[in-house]
């Protein structure tokens, strides 16, 4: 299964050739004017998530019930109209076609080994024969929003190519420029470096049009291995986020990160709550 570049289970950045149905034209003013900076990240995400969830459930209701019985949506006064248009377009995308597999995901998981590596060709062929992909094809190109479910309707993945409007994609790409020095510095010149930083696994610099080659870990809080803090259980911010570029990047993706978090709140509420 593949989209234009890569699949995230709830969102994707890709060339801006498609906008959700209700937001076919990028809202004006441009996204850089959409700012609810008086809210910290989690309250902002919760606020957007609440609106997006109501929009999604309203659309589900309208698909099966009379319009007059649809639940109303209360919009926070501080939420810009352009952001509401984005949420409405995302809710439309979440309602798109369902791709149904003809097998049970639980039975599929039972057939896997404890640590499936995907390198046993005989086993992989057997699994594909027993648990075929939809449409009977080994490789499927999905370039429109879709929901992948098993035979019982259990959701396996939300596939949302280009669900973010072009202006927001551009803003997120521009924000990563603050990380370019740190990304470039992370690439080792030694071919004996770990797989994460080994230059053998990166494209040549001349083929890296938008991003320098490198690998960067960005975490607001994690356990550092082989460090004394593991005993105390104290989380540490990754070094890259402590740099000026890391802080600048966090500032610039403030709204976009909240919007992505809101999408997660709708498609996987338990993961969002965790």
Protein backbone atom coordinates (compact mmCIF):
# COMPACT_ATOMS: atom_id res chain seq x y z
CA UNK A 1 0.00 0.00 0.00
CA UNK A 2 1.50 3.33 -0.92
CA UNK A 3 0.60 6.97 -1.33
CA UNK A 4 2.58 9.64 -3.12
CA UNK A 5 5.46 9.65 -0.65
CA UNK A 6 4.67 7.88 2.59
CA UNK A 7 1.70 6.92 4.69
CA UNK A 8 1.07 8.06 8.22
CA UNK A 9 -1.96 6.44 9.73
CA UNK A 10 -3.70 9.73 10.29
CA UNK A 11 -2.06 12.42 8.14
CA UNK A 12 0.37 12.98 5.33
CA UNK A 13 2.35 15.81 3.82
CA UNK A 14 2.47 15.60 0.04
CA UNK A 15 2.55 17.89 -3.02
CA UNK A 16 -0.40 20.32 -2.78
CA UNK A 17 -2.49 18.96 -5.63
CA UNK A 18 -5.59 18.04 -3.60
CA UNK A 19 -7.66 19.82 -1.00
CA UNK A 20 -10.58 18.38 0.99
CA UNK A 21 -13.92 18.85 -0.70
CA UNK A 22 -15.15 21.72 1.43
CA UNK A 23 -11.83 23.56 1.27
CA UNK A 24 -10.95 23.20 -2.40
CA UNK A 25 -9.53 26.71 -2.34
CA UNK A 26 -7.04 27.67 0.39
CA UNK A 27 -8.83 29.92 2.87
CA UNK A 28 -7.83 33.55 3.02
CA UNK A 29 -6.00 35.09 4.77
CA UNK A 30 -2.97 32.84 4.55
CA UNK A 31 -2.25 30.43 7.39
CA UNK A 32 0.56 32.47 8.87
CA UNK A 33 -2.15 34.84 10.11
CA UNK A 34 -4.02 32.03 11.88
CA UNK A 35 -2.74 32.13 15.42
CA UNK A 36 -4.33 31.26 18.75
CA UNK A 37 -1.08 31.82 20.60
CA UNK A 38 -2.82 32.82 23.82
CA UNK A 39 -3.34 29.10 24.41
CA UNK A 40 -0.57 26.66 25.32
CA UNK A 41 -0.21 23.59 23.04
CA UNK A 42 -2.44 21.07 24.85
CA UNK A 43 -5.41 23.39 25.56
CA UNK A 44 -5.22 24.56 21.95
CA UNK A 45 -5.15 20.96 20.70
CA UNK A 46 -8.07 20.02 22.96
CA UNK A 47 -10.08 22.98 21.67
CA UNK A 48 -9.48 22.15 18.01
CA UNK A 49 -10.08 18.45 18.71
CA UNK A 50 -13.44 19.24 20.29
CA UNK A 51 -14.60 21.17 17.22
CA UNK A 52 -13.25 18.57 14.76
CA UNK A 53 -14.89 15.71 16.64
CA UNK A 54 -18.26 17.48 16.65
CA UNK A 55 -17.97 18.18 12.92
CA UNK A 56 -17.09 14.56 12.22
CA UNK A 57 -19.97 13.15 14.28
CA UNK A 58 -22.38 15.65 12.72
CA UNK A 59 -21.39 14.48 9.24
CA UNK A 60 -21.80 10.85 10.30
CA UNK A 61 -25.25 11.68 11.67
CA UNK A 62 -26.30 13.51 8.51
CA UNK A 63 -25.30 10.50 6.43
CA UNK A 64 -27.94 8.34 8.14
CA UNK A 65 -30.48 10.69 9.76
CA UNK A 66 -32.61 13.71 8.96
CA UNK A 67 -30.83 17.04 8.92
CA UNK A 68 -33.05 18.63 11.59
CA UNK A 69 -31.87 16.06 14.16
CA UNK A 70 -28.16 16.66 13.63
CA UNK A 71 -26.24 17.83 16.71
CA UNK A 72 -25.27 21.48 16.79
CA UNK A 73 -21.67 22.67 16.91
CA UNK A 74 -20.53 25.31 19.36
CA UNK A 75 -17.46 27.09 18.05
CA UNK A 76 -15.06 28.89 20.42
CA UNK A 77 -15.22 32.64 19.66
CA UNK A 78 -11.41 32.78 19.42
CA UNK A 79 -11.20 30.19 16.63
CA UNK A 80 -10.54 31.83 13.23
CA UNK A 81 -12.92 31.08 10.37
CA UNK A 82 -10.05 29.84 8.19
CA UNK A 83 -9.17 27.22 10.80
CA UNK A 84 -12.84 26.17 10.93
CA UNK A 85 -12.75 25.65 7.16
CA UNK A 86 -9.70 23.43 7.60
CA UNK A 87 -11.44 21.37 10.28
CA UNK A 88 -14.52 21.02 8.07
CA UNK A 89 -12.38 19.80 5.18
CA UNK A 90 -10.59 17.29 7.41
CA UNK A 91 -13.94 16.02 8.72
CA UNK A 92 -15.04 15.53 5.09
CA UNK A 93 -11.85 13.55 4.39
CA UNK A 94 -12.51 11.30 7.40
CA UNK A 95 -15.87 10.41 5.86
CA UNK A 96 -14.41 9.12 2.59
CA UNK A 97 -14.56 5.62 1.12
CA UNK A 98 -14.06 2.53 3.24
CA UNK A 99 -11.70 -0.16 1.96
CA UNK A 100 -12.83 -3.47 3.45
CA UNK A 101 -10.55 -6.46 3.80
CA UNK A 102 -12.15 -9.89 3.65
CA UNK A 103 -10.44 -11.22 6.75
CA UNK A 104 -10.23 -10.80 10.52
CA UNK A 105 -7.35 -8.68 11.84
CA UNK A 106 -7.21 -10.68 15.10
CA UNK A 107 -6.76 -13.95 13.20
CA UNK A 108 -4.07 -12.31 11.08
CA UNK A 109 -2.16 -11.21 14.17
CA UNK A 110 -2.45 -14.72 15.60
CA UNK A 111 -0.69 -16.11 12.52
CA UNK A 112 2.37 -13.88 12.93
CA UNK A 113 5.49 -14.87 14.81
CA UNK A 114 6.48 -13.09 18.00
CA UNK A 115 8.99 -10.93 16.14
CA UNK A 116 7.94 -10.80 12.47
CA UNK A 117 10.80 -9.44 10.37
CA UNK A 118 9.22 -9.66 6.92
CA UNK A 119 12.36 -11.30 5.46
CA UNK A 120 11.15 -14.89 5.10
CA UNK A 121 9.92 -14.94 1.50
CA UNK A 122 8.17 -18.30 1.85
CA UNK A 123 6.30 -17.16 4.95
CA UNK A 124 5.44 -13.80 3.41
CA UNK A 125 3.99 -15.49 0.31
CA UNK A 126 1.92 -17.79 2.54
CA UNK A 127 0.61 -14.85 4.56
CA UNK A 128 -0.31 -12.93 1.40
CA UNK A 129 -2.17 -15.95 0.04
CA UNK A 130 -4.05 -16.48 3.31
CA UNK A 131 -4.66 -12.79 4.04
CA UNK A 132 -4.93 -11.12 0.62
CA UNK A 133 -4.94 -7.34 0.22
CA UNK A 134 -8.07 -5.58 -1.07
CA UNK A 135 -8.71 -5.78 -4.82
CA UNK A 136 -6.42 -8.84 -5.05
CA UNK A 137 -3.30 -6.77 -5.76
CA UNK A 138 -0.02 -6.96 -3.89
CA UNK A 139 0.66 -3.25 -4.28
CA UNK A 140 -2.14 -0.73 -3.97
CA UNK A 141 -1.89 2.95 -4.73
CA UNK A 142 -4.15 4.99 -2.49
CA UNK A 143 -4.12 8.67 -3.40
CA UNK A 144 -7.48 9.69 -1.95
CA UNK A 145 -8.67 9.70 1.69
CA UNK A 146 -9.78 6.23 2.77
CA UNK A 147 -10.41 4.11 5.85
CA UNK A 148 -9.04 0.55 5.88
CA UNK A 149 -11.15 -1.91 7.90
CA UNK A 150 -11.29 -5.67 8.39
CA UNK A 151 -14.30 -7.91 7.72
CA UNK A 152 -15.89 -6.89 11.03
CA UNK A 153 -15.42 -3.17 10.51
CA UNK A 154 -12.43 -2.89 12.84
CA UNK A 155 -10.43 0.15 11.69
CA UNK A 156 -6.86 -0.74 10.73
CA UNK A 157 -5.74 2.61 9.32
CA UNK A 158 -6.97 6.03 8.36
CA UNK A 159 -5.21 7.06 5.15
CA UNK A 160 -5.39 10.80 4.57
CA UNK A 161 -3.15 11.87 1.70
CA UNK A 162 -2.88 15.64 1.30
CA UNK A 163 -5.46 16.26 4.02
CA UNK A 164 -3.59 19.42 5.02
CA UNK A 165 -4.26 22.39 2.76
CA UNK A 166 -1.33 23.69 0.67
CA UNK A 167 -0.73 26.78 2.79
CA UNK A 168 -0.29 24.70 5.93
CA UNK A 169 2.01 22.24 4.19
CA UNK A 170 4.13 25.16 3.05
CA UNK A 171 4.23 26.62 6.54
CA UNK A 172 5.36 23.31 8.05
CA UNK A 173 8.07 22.88 5.44
CA UNK A 174 9.30 26.40 6.05
CA UNK A 175 9.43 25.75 9.79
CA UNK A 176 11.89 22.90 9.29
CA UNK A 177 14.48 25.33 7.93
CA UNK A 178 15.34 26.15 11.53
CA UNK A 179 16.41 22.51 11.93
CA UNK A 180 18.60 22.33 8.83
CA UNK A 181 21.92 23.09 10.63
CA UNK A 182 21.25 20.41 13.24
CA UNK A 183 20.16 17.89 10.60
CA UNK A 184 23.27 18.51 8.50
CA UNK A 185 25.55 18.26 11.56
CA UNK A 186 24.03 14.90 12.52
CA UNK A 187 25.35 13.13 9.43
CA UNK A 188 28.59 11.31 10.10
CA UNK A 189 31.36 11.01 7.52
CA UNK A 190 32.31 7.55 8.77
CA UNK A 191 30.79 4.48 7.12
CA UNK A 192 31.20 2.64 10.42
CA UNK A 193 28.73 4.91 12.19
CA UNK A 194 25.46 3.50 13.50
CA UNK A 195 22.66 2.89 11.00
CA UNK A 196 20.94 6.07 12.14
CA UNK A 197 23.79 8.32 11.05
CA UNK A 198 25.66 6.19 8.51
CA UNK A 199 26.11 8.19 5.27
CA UNK A 200 25.53 5.03 3.22
CA UNK A 201 21.82 5.33 4.00
CA UNK A 202 21.39 8.94 2.85
CA UNK A 203 20.95 10.52 -0.55
CA UNK A 204 23.83 12.55 -1.99
CA UNK A 205 23.60 16.25 -1.00
CA UNK A 206 22.84 17.29 -4.59
CA UNK A 207 19.67 15.16 -4.51
CA UNK A 208 18.37 16.70 -1.29
CA UNK A 209 16.33 19.62 -2.60
CA UNK A 210 14.32 20.64 0.47
CA UNK A 211 16.13 19.02 3.39
CA UNK A 212 19.80 18.34 4.13
CA UNK A 213 20.72 14.70 4.64
CA UNK A 214 20.82 13.67 8.27
CA UNK A 215 18.91 12.20 11.18
CA UNK A 216 17.46 14.12 14.11
CA UNK A 217 15.63 12.96 17.22
CA UNK A 218 13.07 15.44 18.53
CA UNK A 219 11.45 14.55 21.83
CA UNK A 220 10.06 16.79 24.57
CA UNK A 221 10.67 14.04 27.11
CA UNK A 222 12.33 10.63 26.94
CA UNK A 223 14.50 8.25 28.93
CA UNK A 224 18.14 8.55 27.98
CA UNK A 225 19.80 5.17 27.80
CA UNK A 226 22.87 4.45 29.92
CA UNK A 227 22.30 7.64 31.90
CA UNK A 228 21.93 8.09 35.63
CA UNK A 229 18.46 9.62 35.20
CA UNK A 230 17.01 6.25 34.25
CA UNK A 231 17.18 5.23 37.92
CA UNK A 232 15.31 8.32 39.05
CA UNK A 233 12.76 7.96 36.25
CA UNK A 234 13.24 11.56 35.18
CA UNK A 235 12.50 12.41 31.56
CA UNK A 236 14.90 14.58 29.58
CA UNK A 237 14.32 16.82 26.58
CA UNK A 238 16.32 15.72 23.53
CA UNK A 239 19.39 17.86 22.91
CA UNK A 240 18.13 18.96 19.49
CA UNK A 241 15.05 20.62 21.03
CA UNK A 242 17.22 22.54 23.48
CA UNK A 243 18.99 24.27 20.59
CA UNK A 244 17.74 27.61 19.29
CA UNK A 245 16.69 25.97 16.03
CA UNK A 246 14.66 23.37 17.90
CA UNK A 247 12.83 25.99 19.93
CA UNK A 248 12.18 28.04 16.79
CA UNK A 249 10.77 24.97 15.03
CA UNK A 250 8.43 24.23 17.93
CA UNK A 251 7.21 27.81 17.91
CA UNK A 252 6.53 27.81 14.17
CA UNK A 253 4.60 24.51 14.13
CA UNK A 254 2.52 25.44 17.18
CA UNK A 255 -0.82 25.62 15.34
CA UNK A 256 -0.07 22.84 12.85
CA UNK A 257 0.99 20.45 15.61
CA UNK A 258 -2.26 21.19 17.45
CA UNK A 259 -4.25 20.44 14.28
CA UNK A 260 -2.46 17.11 13.78
CA UNK A 261 -3.07 16.27 17.43
CA UNK A 262 -6.75 17.05 16.93
CA UNK A 263 -6.89 14.60 14.02
CA UNK A 264 -5.34 11.94 16.26
CA UNK A 265 -7.98 12.68 18.91
CA UNK A 266 -10.70 11.75 16.40
CA UNK A 267 -9.12 8.72 14.72
CA UNK A 268 -7.54 7.20 17.85
CA UNK A 269 -9.06 8.68 21.03
CA UNK A 270 -7.35 6.22 23.38
CA UNK A 271 -3.90 6.99 22.00
CA UNK A 272 -4.58 10.71 22.19
CA UNK A 273 -5.78 10.42 25.80
CA UNK A 274 -2.65 8.48 26.73
